[in-house]
């Protein structure tokens, strides 16, 4: 005995409207956020190894 309903009730119509389709596909590029782990240090590149040699070895 097959039991089929031809007329959907209100709750079923609401469910189909909400969950009836899959959401839009999200690209992998849109799911990744890149930013620096720490702020760049302005004093980082001020050391000159040649200057150290001139000051201490000559």
Protein backbone atom coordinates (compact mmCIF):
# COMPACT_ATOMS: atom_id res chain seq x y z
CA UNK A 1 0.00 0.00 0.00
CA UNK A 2 1.59 3.25 -1.06
CA UNK A 3 0.81 6.33 0.92
CA UNK A 4 1.29 9.53 -1.11
CA UNK A 5 0.16 13.06 -0.46
CA UNK A 6 -0.44 15.41 -3.31
CA UNK A 7 -1.09 18.52 -1.25
CA UNK A 8 1.84 19.73 0.87
CA UNK A 9 0.98 21.22 4.23
CA UNK A 10 2.20 24.67 5.32
CA UNK A 11 5.14 23.34 7.37
CA UNK A 12 6.42 21.33 4.42
CA UNK A 13 6.17 24.35 2.15
CA UNK A 14 8.21 26.41 4.64
CA UNK A 15 10.84 23.65 4.89
CA UNK A 16 11.13 23.41 1.11
CA UNK A 17 11.46 27.17 0.80
CA UNK A 18 14.23 27.25 3.41
CA UNK A 19 16.13 24.02 2.72
CA UNK A 20 15.01 23.13 -0.80
CA UNK A 21 18.20 24.33 -2.53
CA UNK A 22 21.86 24.20 -1.70
CA UNK A 23 23.62 27.43 -0.78
CA UNK A 24 25.92 29.15 -3.24
CA UNK A 25 29.33 27.56 -3.69
CA UNK A 26 32.14 29.48 -1.96
CA UNK A 27 35.52 29.62 -3.69
CA UNK A 28 38.55 28.53 -1.68
CA UNK A 29 40.21 31.91 -2.29
CA UNK A 30 37.32 33.59 -0.49
CA UNK A 31 37.72 31.47 2.64
CA UNK A 32 41.35 32.38 3.40
CA UNK A 33 42.49 35.64 4.94
CA UNK A 34 46.17 36.49 4.84
CA UNK A 35 47.72 39.08 7.12
CA UNK A 36 51.05 39.56 8.85
CA UNK A 37 51.53 37.73 12.15
CA UNK A 38 53.38 40.70 13.64
CA UNK A 39 53.83 44.30 12.61
CA UNK A 40 56.98 44.94 10.56
CA UNK A 41 59.87 46.24 12.66
CA UNK A 42 61.45 49.37 11.13
CA UNK A 43 64.74 48.76 13.01
CA UNK A 44 65.10 45.24 11.62
CA UNK A 45 67.19 46.14 8.58
CA UNK A 46 69.33 48.89 10.15
CA UNK A 47 72.20 46.52 11.03
CA UNK A 48 74.91 46.48 8.42
CA UNK A 49 77.41 43.58 8.81
CA UNK A 50 80.06 45.44 6.81
CA UNK A 51 79.91 48.37 9.22
CA UNK A 52 80.63 46.02 12.13
CA UNK A 53 83.70 44.67 10.32
CA UNK A 54 85.04 48.17 9.64
CA UNK A 55 84.54 49.35 13.22
CA UNK A 56 86.02 46.35 15.04
CA UNK A 57 88.45 44.61 12.70
CA UNK A 58 90.44 47.44 11.09
